[in-house]
Amino acid sequence: MSATTLSPQPDSQDRTPVVDVSDSPTSTPILRTMDLARRHGPAFVQRLHGQDTLFVSSLDLVTEL
């Protein structure tokens, strides 16, 4: 992974973390997403150029949803 630090948006502290990945490298998007799941938990929103995508990496959460 690159040295780029991605942090949740300030408005998401009490909700699902929102991480803007517009400026992050795209050479390894799967590895980037796996790293974000490790840092932000089993559910987070990935924002790319204003479009939000919910990622859920826990089987229990996926089953519940």
N, C-alpha and C. Protein backbone atom coordinates (compact mmCIF):
# COMPACT_ATOMS: atom_id res chain seq x y z
N MET A 1 0.84 -1.18 0.00
CA MET A 1 0.00 0.00 0.00
C MET A 1 0.88 1.24 0.00
N SER A 2 0.31 2.33 -0.43
CA SER A 2 1.06 3.57 -0.48
C SER A 2 1.07 4.24 0.89
N ALA A 3 1.78 5.34 0.97
CA ALA A 3 1.86 6.08 2.22
C ALA A 3 0.68 7.02 2.40
N THR A 4 -0.24 7.05 1.44
CA THR A 4 -1.40 7.93 1.53
C THR A 4 -2.26 7.54 2.72
N THR A 5 -2.60 8.51 3.55
CA THR A 5 -3.43 8.25 4.71
C THR A 5 -4.86 8.63 4.39
N LEU A 6 -5.76 7.69 4.58
CA LEU A 6 -7.18 7.95 4.37
C LEU A 6 -7.85 7.95 5.73
N SER A 7 -8.62 8.98 6.00
CA SER A 7 -9.28 9.04 7.30
C SER A 7 -10.77 9.30 7.10
N PRO A 8 -11.60 8.86 8.05
CA PRO A 8 -13.03 9.09 7.93
C PRO A 8 -13.36 10.57 7.91
N GLN A 9 -14.43 10.93 7.24
CA GLN A 9 -14.89 12.31 7.21
C GLN A 9 -15.40 12.68 8.60
N PRO A 10 -15.24 13.95 9.02
CA PRO A 10 -15.64 14.35 10.37
C PRO A 10 -17.13 14.15 10.64
N ASP A 11 -17.98 14.22 9.62
CA ASP A 11 -19.42 14.10 9.84
C ASP A 11 -19.86 12.67 10.09
N SER A 12 -18.95 11.71 10.08
CA SER A 12 -19.35 10.30 10.20
C SER A 12 -18.90 9.66 11.50
N GLN A 13 -18.56 10.44 12.51
CA GLN A 13 -18.02 9.87 13.75
C GLN A 13 -19.02 8.98 14.48
N ASP A 14 -20.31 9.27 14.42
CA ASP A 14 -21.32 8.47 15.12
C ASP A 14 -22.03 7.50 14.20
N ARG A 15 -21.62 7.43 12.96
CA ARG A 15 -22.27 6.56 11.98
C ARG A 15 -21.21 5.71 11.31
N THR A 16 -21.61 5.08 10.22
CA THR A 16 -20.68 4.28 9.43
C THR A 16 -19.58 5.20 8.90
N PRO A 17 -18.30 4.84 9.06
CA PRO A 17 -17.21 5.69 8.57
C PRO A 17 -17.31 5.92 7.06
N VAL A 18 -17.08 7.17 6.65
CA VAL A 18 -17.05 7.53 5.23
C VAL A 18 -15.61 7.89 4.89
N VAL A 19 -15.03 7.17 3.92
CA VAL A 19 -13.64 7.38 3.54
C VAL A 19 -13.60 7.81 2.08
N ASP A 20 -13.06 9.01 1.82
CA ASP A 20 -12.94 9.51 0.45
C ASP A 20 -11.66 8.95 -0.16
N VAL A 21 -11.81 8.19 -1.24
CA VAL A 21 -10.65 7.56 -1.88
C VAL A 21 -10.32 8.20 -3.23
N SER A 22 -10.85 9.39 -3.48
CA SER A 22 -10.64 10.06 -4.77
C SER A 22 -9.17 10.31 -5.06
N ASP A 23 -8.38 10.62 -4.04
CA ASP A 23 -6.97 10.95 -4.24
C ASP A 23 -6.03 9.78 -3.99
N SER A 24 -6.57 8.62 -3.69
CA SER A 24 -5.71 7.47 -3.39
C SER A 24 -5.35 6.74 -4.68
N PRO A 25 -4.23 6.04 -4.69
CA PRO A 25 -3.81 5.30 -5.88
C PRO A 25 -4.79 4.19 -6.23
N THR A 26 -4.96 3.93 -7.51
CA THR A 26 -5.92 2.92 -7.95
C THR A 26 -5.25 1.67 -8.51
N SER A 27 -3.96 1.53 -8.29
CA SER A 27 -3.26 0.38 -8.86
C SER A 27 -3.66 -0.93 -8.18
N THR A 28 -4.09 -0.86 -6.92
CA THR A 28 -4.50 -2.07 -6.19
C THR A 28 -5.79 -1.79 -5.41
N PRO A 29 -6.92 -1.63 -6.09
CA PRO A 29 -8.15 -1.26 -5.39
C PRO A 29 -8.65 -2.30 -4.40
N ILE A 30 -8.45 -3.58 -4.67
CA ILE A 30 -8.90 -4.62 -3.74
C ILE A 30 -8.08 -4.56 -2.45
N LEU A 31 -6.76 -4.43 -2.58
CA LEU A 31 -5.91 -4.33 -1.39
C LEU A 31 -6.23 -3.07 -0.59
N ARG A 32 -6.51 -1.96 -1.29
CA ARG A 32 -6.87 -0.71 -0.61
C ARG A 32 -8.15 -0.91 0.19
N THR A 33 -9.14 -1.56 -0.40
CA THR A 33 -10.41 -1.80 0.29
C THR A 33 -10.23 -2.73 1.48
N MET A 34 -9.41 -3.75 1.33
CA MET A 34 -9.14 -4.66 2.46
C MET A 34 -8.45 -3.91 3.60
N ASP A 35 -7.53 -3.02 3.28
CA ASP A 35 -6.85 -2.23 4.30
C ASP A 35 -7.83 -1.30 5.00
N LEU A 36 -8.73 -0.69 4.25
CA LEU A 36 -9.75 0.19 4.85
C LEU A 36 -10.65 -0.60 5.80
N ALA A 37 -11.00 -1.82 5.43
CA ALA A 37 -11.84 -2.66 6.30
C ALA A 37 -11.10 -2.99 7.60
N ARG A 38 -9.81 -3.23 7.52
CA ARG A 38 -9.03 -3.50 8.73
C ARG A 38 -8.97 -2.27 9.64
N ARG A 39 -8.86 -1.08 9.04
CA ARG A 39 -8.73 0.14 9.84
C ARG A 39 -10.05 0.68 10.35
N HIS A 40 -11.13 0.54 9.57
CA HIS A 40 -12.40 1.21 9.90
C HIS A 40 -13.50 0.26 10.32
N GLY A 41 -13.22 -1.03 10.35
CA GLY A 41 -14.23 -1.98 10.81
C GLY A 41 -14.93 -2.69 9.66
N PRO A 42 -15.88 -3.55 10.01
CA PRO A 42 -16.51 -4.41 9.01
C PRO A 42 -17.50 -3.71 8.09
N ALA A 43 -17.84 -2.46 8.38
CA ALA A 43 -18.75 -1.72 7.50
C ALA A 43 -18.24 -0.29 7.38
N PHE A 44 -18.10 0.19 6.14
CA PHE A 44 -17.68 1.56 5.90
C PHE A 44 -18.17 1.98 4.52
N VAL A 45 -18.24 3.28 4.31
CA VAL A 45 -18.65 3.83 3.02
C VAL A 45 -17.41 4.36 2.33
N GLN A 46 -17.23 3.96 1.10
CA GLN A 46 -16.10 4.43 0.29
C GLN A 46 -16.66 5.46 -0.68
N ARG A 47 -16.15 6.70 -0.60
CA ARG A 47 -16.61 7.79 -1.46
C ARG A 47 -15.59 8.02 -2.56
N LEU A 48 -16.06 7.98 -3.80
CA LEU A 48 -15.19 8.20 -4.95
C LEU A 48 -15.85 9.22 -5.85
N HIS A 49 -15.30 10.43 -5.90
CA HIS A 49 -15.82 11.53 -6.71
C HIS A 49 -17.30 11.77 -6.44
N GLY A 50 -17.68 11.78 -5.16
CA GLY A 50 -19.05 12.09 -4.78
C GLY A 50 -20.01 10.92 -4.78
N GLN A 51 -19.59 9.77 -5.25
CA GLN A 51 -20.46 8.59 -5.27
C GLN A 51 -20.08 7.69 -4.09
N ASP A 52 -21.06 7.35 -3.26
CA ASP A 52 -20.83 6.53 -2.08
C ASP A 52 -21.19 5.08 -2.33
N THR A 53 -20.33 4.18 -1.83
CA THR A 53 -20.57 2.74 -1.93
C THR A 53 -20.35 2.14 -0.55
N LEU A 54 -21.34 1.40 -0.06
CA LEU A 54 -21.24 0.74 1.24
C LEU A 54 -20.51 -0.58 1.07
N PHE A 55 -19.46 -0.79 1.87
CA PHE A 55 -18.71 -2.05 1.88
C PHE A 55 -18.95 -2.73 3.21
N VAL A 56 -19.31 -4.01 3.17
CA VAL A 56 -19.52 -4.81 4.37
C VAL A 56 -18.65 -6.04 4.24
N SER A 57 -17.76 -6.25 5.23
CA SER A 57 -16.80 -7.35 5.13
C SER A 57 -17.02 -8.44 6.18
N SER A 58 -18.13 -8.38 6.87
CA SER A 58 -18.44 -9.38 7.89
C SER A 58 -19.62 -10.23 7.42
N LEU A 59 -19.46 -11.54 7.43
CA LEU A 59 -20.54 -12.43 7.00
C LEU A 59 -21.78 -12.24 7.86
N ASP A 60 -21.61 -12.03 9.16
CA ASP A 60 -22.75 -11.81 10.04
C ASP A 60 -23.52 -10.54 9.65
N LEU A 61 -22.80 -9.46 9.35
CA LEU A 61 -23.47 -8.23 8.93
C LEU A 61 -24.15 -8.39 7.57
N VAL A 62 -23.49 -9.07 6.66
CA VAL A 62 -24.09 -9.29 5.34
C VAL A 62 -25.37 -10.09 5.48
N THR A 63 -25.35 -11.11 6.32
CA THR A 63 -26.55 -11.92 6.55
C THR A 63 -27.66 -11.08 7.17
N GLU A 64 -27.30 -10.21 8.10
CA GLU A 64 -28.28 -9.36 8.76
C GLU A 64 -28.88 -8.35 7.79
N LEU A 65 -28.06 -7.80 6.91
CA LEU A 65 -28.55 -6.81 5.94
C LEU A 65 -29.43 -7.47 4.91
